[in-house]
């Protein structure tokens, strides 16, 4: 660990850590936040300890070592925050050492909680909103985050360092939460700004930040025509394929995640008690192409009018 400048925090800082991953959701969201908050670089990890080059770059006939991956810490005040971002993936053993280094530094800073972020790819269109779900390393966090309006992710796995951070942090006695933005399955290998925007908004709400997201919203608007083209090509391919038993409709998911069905049930219960919640329920049903299935039940909410 190389401390580039000393800093004094008014309170133990919350940490947000992220690595590259599906849709680049984590790394894009943390990079956007630290830039918009004008956070200052104050520490870095010497990655030469963990990563040995397996090739050489040649420039003008001269062979040079490739630039080492960056793993850096930034700080922000009011509120006190630390951002750690890295593009390094060094292998299972080395990655665990990197996580240990990050969490050891978090202990030195008396960090009460570490947030990280990732994508949750599944069958959806880019036209649907990216929802932010969560996984936590402490059961006591579940009710707290649900009270903030977030749902738990469905049973499964979180790949990569953004997921492993939860386990390593738990072993050090540090609370940790992974914020997962839903993204189209096909976008996992692309950069998905809408997912990053959802994470930025969620993290900002959780820690009491006000962040200008105009730039990220513009990036998303620029990306939408690309995703329109991808989905149109998908529809054409599957509808014309003689081996396909069903047409894949990117804007009408065929497999509805369990967390969505749970959310719809909660919205029905809320709308029974307060009909002003009905438009929210209708929007959710429309988004997932479920209104026809639930139409009678939805109309029953107004049967005594």
Protein backbone atom coordinates (compact mmCIF):
# COMPACT_ATOMS: atom_id res chain seq x y z
CA UNK A 1 0.00 0.00 0.00
CA UNK A 2 1.40 3.38 -1.02
CA UNK A 3 -0.11 6.32 0.87
CA UNK A 4 0.33 9.31 -1.45
CA UNK A 5 -0.99 11.92 0.95
CA UNK A 6 -2.25 11.96 4.51
CA UNK A 7 -5.86 12.80 5.07
CA UNK A 8 -8.11 13.40 8.03
CA UNK A 9 -11.66 12.15 8.00
CA UNK A 10 -14.29 13.73 10.23
CA UNK A 11 -15.96 10.35 10.58
CA UNK A 12 -15.03 6.77 9.62
CA UNK A 13 -15.51 6.75 5.84
CA UNK A 14 -17.82 4.43 3.95
CA UNK A 15 -15.96 2.71 1.11
CA UNK A 16 -17.17 1.99 -2.41
CA UNK A 17 -14.98 -0.52 -4.24
CA UNK A 18 -15.37 -1.81 -7.77
CA UNK A 19 -13.60 -3.80 -10.44
CA UNK A 20 -14.39 -4.34 -14.11
CA UNK A 21 -17.16 -6.88 -14.73
CA UNK A 22 -20.35 -7.58 -16.68
CA UNK A 23 -21.62 -4.48 -18.44
CA UNK A 24 -18.80 -2.53 -16.71
CA UNK A 25 -21.54 -1.48 -14.31
CA UNK A 26 -19.40 -1.36 -11.18
CA UNK A 27 -16.34 0.35 -12.58
CA UNK A 28 -18.36 2.86 -14.62
CA UNK A 29 -20.51 3.86 -11.65
CA UNK A 30 -17.61 4.32 -9.23
CA UNK A 31 -15.53 6.20 -11.78
CA UNK A 32 -18.43 8.54 -12.48
CA UNK A 33 -19.05 9.20 -8.80
CA UNK A 34 -15.46 9.98 -7.88
CA UNK A 35 -15.09 12.30 -10.90
CA UNK A 36 -18.31 14.20 -10.28
CA UNK A 37 -17.47 14.56 -6.60
CA UNK A 38 -13.94 15.72 -7.49
CA UNK A 39 -12.50 13.12 -5.18
CA UNK A 40 -8.75 13.24 -4.66
CA UNK A 41 -6.27 10.42 -5.20
CA UNK A 42 -4.62 9.58 -1.89
CA UNK A 43 -3.41 5.97 -1.99
CA UNK A 44 -2.66 3.13 -4.37
CA UNK A 45 -1.72 -0.55 -4.34
CA UNK A 46 1.58 -1.54 -5.94
CA UNK A 47 0.25 -4.11 -8.39
CA UNK A 48 3.73 -5.34 -9.34
CA UNK A 49 3.47 -7.48 -6.17
CA UNK A 50 0.56 -9.38 -7.63
CA UNK A 51 0.83 -9.31 -11.42
CA UNK A 52 3.74 -10.39 -13.63
CA UNK A 53 3.54 -9.39 -17.30
CA UNK A 54 3.09 -12.29 -19.74
CA UNK A 55 3.99 -10.27 -22.83
CA UNK A 56 5.90 -7.21 -23.97
CA UNK A 57 4.71 -4.14 -25.84
CA UNK A 58 6.73 -2.98 -28.83
CA UNK A 59 6.85 0.69 -29.79
CA UNK A 60 9.03 1.78 -32.67
CA UNK A 61 10.90 -1.49 -32.52
CA UNK A 62 11.66 -1.11 -28.81
CA UNK A 63 10.22 -3.66 -26.38
CA UNK A 64 8.82 -2.23 -23.15
CA UNK A 65 6.91 -3.72 -20.25
CA UNK A 66 3.15 -3.08 -20.44
CA UNK A 67 1.68 -0.53 -18.05
CA UNK A 68 0.67 -2.14 -14.77
CA UNK A 69 -3.07 -2.26 -13.94
CA UNK A 70 -4.25 0.52 -11.67
CA UNK A 71 -5.71 -0.01 -8.21
CA UNK A 72 -6.25 3.36 -6.58
CA UNK A 73 -8.04 5.02 -3.68
CA UNK A 74 -9.76 8.42 -3.74
CA UNK A 75 -11.26 10.35 -0.85
CA UNK A 76 -14.21 12.71 -0.52
CA UNK A 77 -15.52 14.73 2.41
CA UNK A 78 -19.05 15.71 3.49
CA UNK A 79 -19.91 12.89 3.62
CA UNK A 80 -16.64 11.07 4.26
CA UNK A 81 -16.17 8.48 1.51
CA UNK A 82 -13.37 6.41 0.03
CA UNK A 83 -13.55 5.12 -3.54
CA UNK A 84 -11.39 2.19 -4.60
CA UNK A 85 -11.35 1.28 -8.27
CA UNK A 86 -9.27 -1.28 -10.09
CA UNK A 87 -8.95 -2.81 -13.54
CA UNK A 88 -6.74 -5.60 -12.22
CA UNK A 89 -7.61 -9.30 -12.37
CA UNK A 90 -4.55 -11.24 -11.30
CA UNK A 91 -5.74 -14.82 -10.73
CA UNK A 92 -7.47 -16.54 -7.83
CA UNK A 93 -4.61 -16.48 -5.29
CA UNK A 94 -3.45 -12.97 -6.14
CA UNK A 95 -7.00 -11.61 -6.25
CA UNK A 96 -7.55 -12.85 -2.69
CA UNK A 97 -4.39 -11.02 -1.61
CA UNK A 98 -5.62 -7.84 -3.27
CA UNK A 99 -8.96 -8.13 -1.46
CA UNK A 100 -7.11 -8.67 1.81
CA UNK A 101 -5.06 -5.53 1.13
CA UNK A 102 -8.17 -3.45 0.42
CA UNK A 103 -10.04 -4.69 3.48
CA UNK A 104 -6.96 -4.24 5.70
CA UNK A 105 -6.83 -0.61 4.61
CA UNK A 106 -10.57 -0.32 5.31
CA UNK A 107 -9.90 -1.55 8.85
CA UNK A 108 -7.15 1.04 9.26
CA UNK A 109 -9.66 3.71 8.21
CA UNK A 110 -12.29 2.20 10.56
CA UNK A 111 -14.64 1.86 7.61
CA UNK A 112 -18.06 0.74 8.89
CA UNK A 113 -19.32 -0.56 5.55
CA UNK A 114 -18.02 -1.41 2.10
CA UNK A 115 -20.27 -1.12 -0.94
CA UNK A 116 -19.49 -2.70 -4.24
CA UNK A 117 -21.48 -2.99 -7.46
CA UNK A 118 -22.10 -5.49 -10.23
CA UNK A 119 -24.55 -6.38 -12.98
CA UNK A 120 -27.35 -8.94 -12.84
CA UNK A 121 -27.88 -10.07 -16.46
CA UNK A 122 -31.21 -11.63 -17.35
CA UNK A 123 -33.92 -11.62 -20.01
CA UNK A 124 -34.98 -8.00 -20.46
CA UNK A 125 -34.88 -5.21 -22.99
CA UNK A 126 -32.70 -2.14 -22.69
CA UNK A 127 -35.96 -0.19 -22.81
CA UNK A 128 -36.84 -1.47 -19.34
CA UNK A 129 -35.47 0.32 -16.31
CA UNK A 130 -32.41 -1.13 -14.60
CA UNK A 131 -33.51 -2.10 -11.12
CA UNK A 132 -31.01 -2.23 -8.28
CA UNK A 133 -31.10 -5.31 -6.08
CA UNK A 134 -28.67 -6.16 -3.31
CA UNK A 135 -26.78 -8.90 -1.55
CA UNK A 136 -25.30 -8.35 1.90
CA UNK A 137 -22.81 -10.22 4.05
CA UNK A 138 -24.78 -9.67 7.26
CA UNK A 139 -28.38 -10.72 7.80
CA UNK A 140 -29.02 -7.62 9.93
CA UNK A 141 -28.58 -5.50 6.79
CA UNK A 142 -31.49 -7.14 4.96
CA UNK A 143 -34.33 -5.35 6.75
CA UNK A 144 -32.44 -2.06 6.71
CA UNK A 145 -31.92 -2.10 2.96
CA UNK A 146 -35.46 -3.30 2.31
CA UNK A 147 -36.73 -0.35 4.33
CA UNK A 148 -34.81 1.82 1.87
CA UNK A 149 -36.84 0.31 -0.97
CA UNK A 150 -34.36 -2.28 -2.28
CA UNK A 151 -35.04 -5.97 -2.90
CA UNK A 152 -32.61 -8.83 -2.39
CA UNK A 153 -31.18 -10.47 -5.50
CA UNK A 154 -32.57 -13.91 -6.40
CA UNK A 155 -30.64 -16.96 -5.23
CA UNK A 156 -27.53 -17.41 -7.34
CA UNK A 157 -23.93 -16.25 -7.51
CA UNK A 158 -22.02 -12.99 -7.94
CA UNK A 159 -18.93 -13.61 -10.00
CA UNK A 160 -15.60 -11.85 -9.71
CA UNK A 161 -14.07 -9.57 -7.12
CA UNK A 162 -17.20 -7.43 -6.79
CA UNK A 163 -18.87 -10.48 -5.30
CA UNK A 164 -15.92 -11.95 -3.41
CA UNK A 165 -15.50 -8.66 -1.54
CA UNK A 166 -18.59 -9.59 0.52
CA UNK A 167 -16.96 -12.73 1.86
CA UNK A 168 -13.54 -11.24 2.54
CA UNK A 169 -15.08 -8.22 4.27
CA UNK A 170 -17.17 -10.55 6.45
CA UNK A 171 -14.03 -12.41 7.51
CA UNK A 172 -12.64 -9.07 8.74
CA UNK A 173 -15.84 -8.12 10.55
CA UNK A 174 -16.79 -5.39 8.06
CA UNK A 175 -20.34 -4.97 6.76
CA UNK A 176 -20.51 -5.16 2.98
CA UNK A 177 -23.24 -4.75 0.38
CA UNK A 178 -23.19 -5.44 -3.34
CA UNK A 179 -25.58 -3.32 -5.41
CA UNK A 180 -26.62 -5.20 -8.54
CA UNK A 181 -28.21 -3.48 -11.52
CA UNK A 182 -30.36 -5.59 -13.83
CA UNK A 183 -29.13 -5.51 -17.43
CA UNK A 184 -30.03 -7.40 -20.63
CA UNK A 185 -28.19 -10.71 -20.80
CA UNK A 186 -26.70 -9.81 -24.17
CA UNK A 187 -25.18 -6.61 -22.72
CA UNK A 188 -22.89 -8.42 -20.28
CA UNK A 189 -19.99 -8.14 -22.73
CA UNK A 190 -20.74 -4.47 -23.48
CA UNK A 191 -20.68 -1.25 -21.47
CA UNK A 192 -24.18 -0.59 -20.12
CA UNK A 193 -24.56 3.02 -18.90
CA UNK A 194 -28.17 2.57 -17.76
CA UNK A 195 -27.07 -0.01 -15.20
CA UNK A 196 -24.31 2.30 -13.94
CA UNK A 197 -26.80 5.17 -13.70
CA UNK A 198 -29.09 3.03 -11.55
CA UNK A 199 -26.19 2.17 -9.22
CA UNK A 200 -25.09 5.82 -8.97
CA UNK A 201 -28.62 6.83 -7.97
CA UNK A 202 -28.94 3.98 -5.48
CA UNK A 203 -25.57 4.60 -3.81
CA UNK A 204 -26.22 8.34 -3.67
CA UNK A 205 -29.53 7.74 -1.92
CA UNK A 206 -28.00 5.32 0.57
CA UNK A 207 -25.17 7.62 1.68
CA UNK A 208 -26.90 11.00 1.27
CA UNK A 209 -25.19 12.34 -1.84
CA UNK A 210 -26.40 14.80 -4.44
CA UNK A 211 -24.77 13.97 -7.76
CA UNK A 212 -25.35 15.52 -11.18
CA UNK A 213 -26.11 12.54 -13.45
CA UNK A 214 -26.68 14.53 -16.67
CA UNK A 215 -23.46 13.29 -18.28
CA UNK A 216 -24.24 9.64 -17.55
CA UNK A 217 -27.80 10.08 -18.83
CA UNK A 218 -26.38 11.49 -22.07
CA UNK A 219 -24.09 8.47 -22.39
CA UNK A 220 -27.10 6.23 -21.98
CA UNK A 221 -29.05 8.15 -24.65
CA UNK A 222 -26.14 7.73 -27.08
CA UNK A 223 -26.00 3.99 -26.37
CA UNK A 224 -29.73 3.34 -26.88
CA UNK A 225 -29.64 3.24 -30.72
CA UNK A 226 -26.89 0.63 -30.51
CA UNK A 227 -28.99 -1.55 -28.23
CA UNK A 228 -32.04 -0.99 -30.46
CA UNK A 229 -30.04 -2.42 -33.36
CA UNK A 230 -28.82 -5.38 -31.31
CA UNK A 231 -32.33 -6.29 -30.19
CA UNK A 232 -33.77 -5.89 -33.67
CA UNK A 233 -31.06 -8.19 -35.05
CA UNK A 234 -31.86 -10.70 -32.32
CA UNK A 235 -35.56 -10.68 -33.18
CA UNK A 236 -34.82 -11.11 -36.89
CA UNK A 237 -32.40 -13.95 -36.26
CA UNK A 238 -34.65 -15.96 -33.99
CA UNK A 239 -37.82 -15.33 -35.97
CA UNK A 240 -36.16 -16.52 -39.20
CA UNK A 241 -34.29 -19.48 -37.68
CA UNK A 242 -35.87 -22.81 -38.74
CA UNK A 243 -34.48 -24.45 -35.61
CA UNK A 244 -36.00 -21.95 -33.23
CA UNK A 245 -39.09 -23.17 -31.39
CA UNK A 246 -40.02 -19.73 -30.16
CA UNK A 247 -39.40 -16.18 -31.19
CA UNK A 248 -37.29 -14.31 -28.69
CA UNK A 249 -38.92 -10.99 -27.97
CA UNK A 250 -36.28 -8.81 -26.32
CA UNK A 251 -38.85 -6.33 -25.10
CA UNK A 252 -41.15 -9.01 -23.62
CA UNK A 253 -39.17 -11.31 -21.27
CA UNK A 254 -40.12 -14.96 -21.36
CA UNK A 255 -38.71 -15.83 -17.92
CA UNK A 256 -39.83 -13.46 -15.18
CA UNK A 257 -37.36 -13.39 -12.25
CA UNK A 258 -38.74 -14.38 -8.87
CA UNK A 259 -37.90 -11.01 -7.35
CA UNK A 260 -40.14 -9.33 -9.96
CA UNK A 261 -43.09 -11.56 -9.06
CA UNK A 262 -42.50 -10.81 -5.37
CA UNK A 263 -42.46 -7.09 -6.11
CA UNK A 264 -45.72 -7.33 -8.06
CA UNK A 265 -47.40 -9.12 -5.14
CA UNK A 266 -46.25 -6.38 -2.76
CA UNK A 267 -47.57 -3.73 -5.12
CA UNK A 268 -50.96 -5.46 -5.28
CA UNK A 269 -51.12 -5.45 -1.48
CA UNK A 270 -50.10 -1.78 -1.39
CA UNK A 271 -52.67 -0.84 -4.04
CA UNK A 272 -55.44 -2.56 -2.07
CA UNK A 273 -54.72 -0.25 0.84
CA UNK A 274 -53.93 2.85 -1.22
CA UNK A 275 -55.27 3.10 -4.77
CA UNK A 276 -52.83 5.90 -5.55
CA UNK A 277 -50.26 3.08 -5.85
CA UNK A 278 -52.20 1.51 -8.74
CA UNK A 279 -50.35 3.42 -11.50
CA UNK A 280 -47.05 2.13 -10.09
CA UNK A 281 -48.43 -1.41 -10.21
CA UNK A 282 -49.72 -0.92 -13.77
CA UNK A 283 -46.33 0.34 -14.92
CA UNK A 284 -44.62 -2.71 -13.43
CA UNK A 285 -47.06 -5.09 -15.11
CA UNK A 286 -46.65 -3.33 -18.45
CA UNK A 287 -42.87 -3.33 -18.19
CA UNK A 288 -42.76 -7.11 -17.89
CA UNK A 289 -45.60 -7.78 -20.33
CA UNK A 290 -47.80 -9.20 -17.57
CA UNK A 291 -50.83 -6.90 -17.65
CA UNK A 292 -53.02 -9.30 -19.65
CA UNK A 293 -52.27 -12.08 -17.18
CA UNK A 294 -53.20 -9.89 -14.20
CA UNK A 295 -55.85 -7.71 -15.87
CA UNK A 296 -58.89 -9.08 -13.98
CA UNK A 297 -57.10 -8.92 -10.66
CA UNK A 298 -55.96 -5.38 -11.39
CA UNK A 299 -59.48 -4.23 -12.33
CA UNK A 300 -60.85 -5.85 -9.17
CA UNK A 301 -58.98 -3.15 -7.23
CA UNK A 302 -61.61 -0.71 -8.50
CA UNK A 303 -64.64 -3.00 -8.40
CA UNK A 304 -66.39 -1.10 -5.61
CA UNK A 305 -66.14 2.29 -7.29
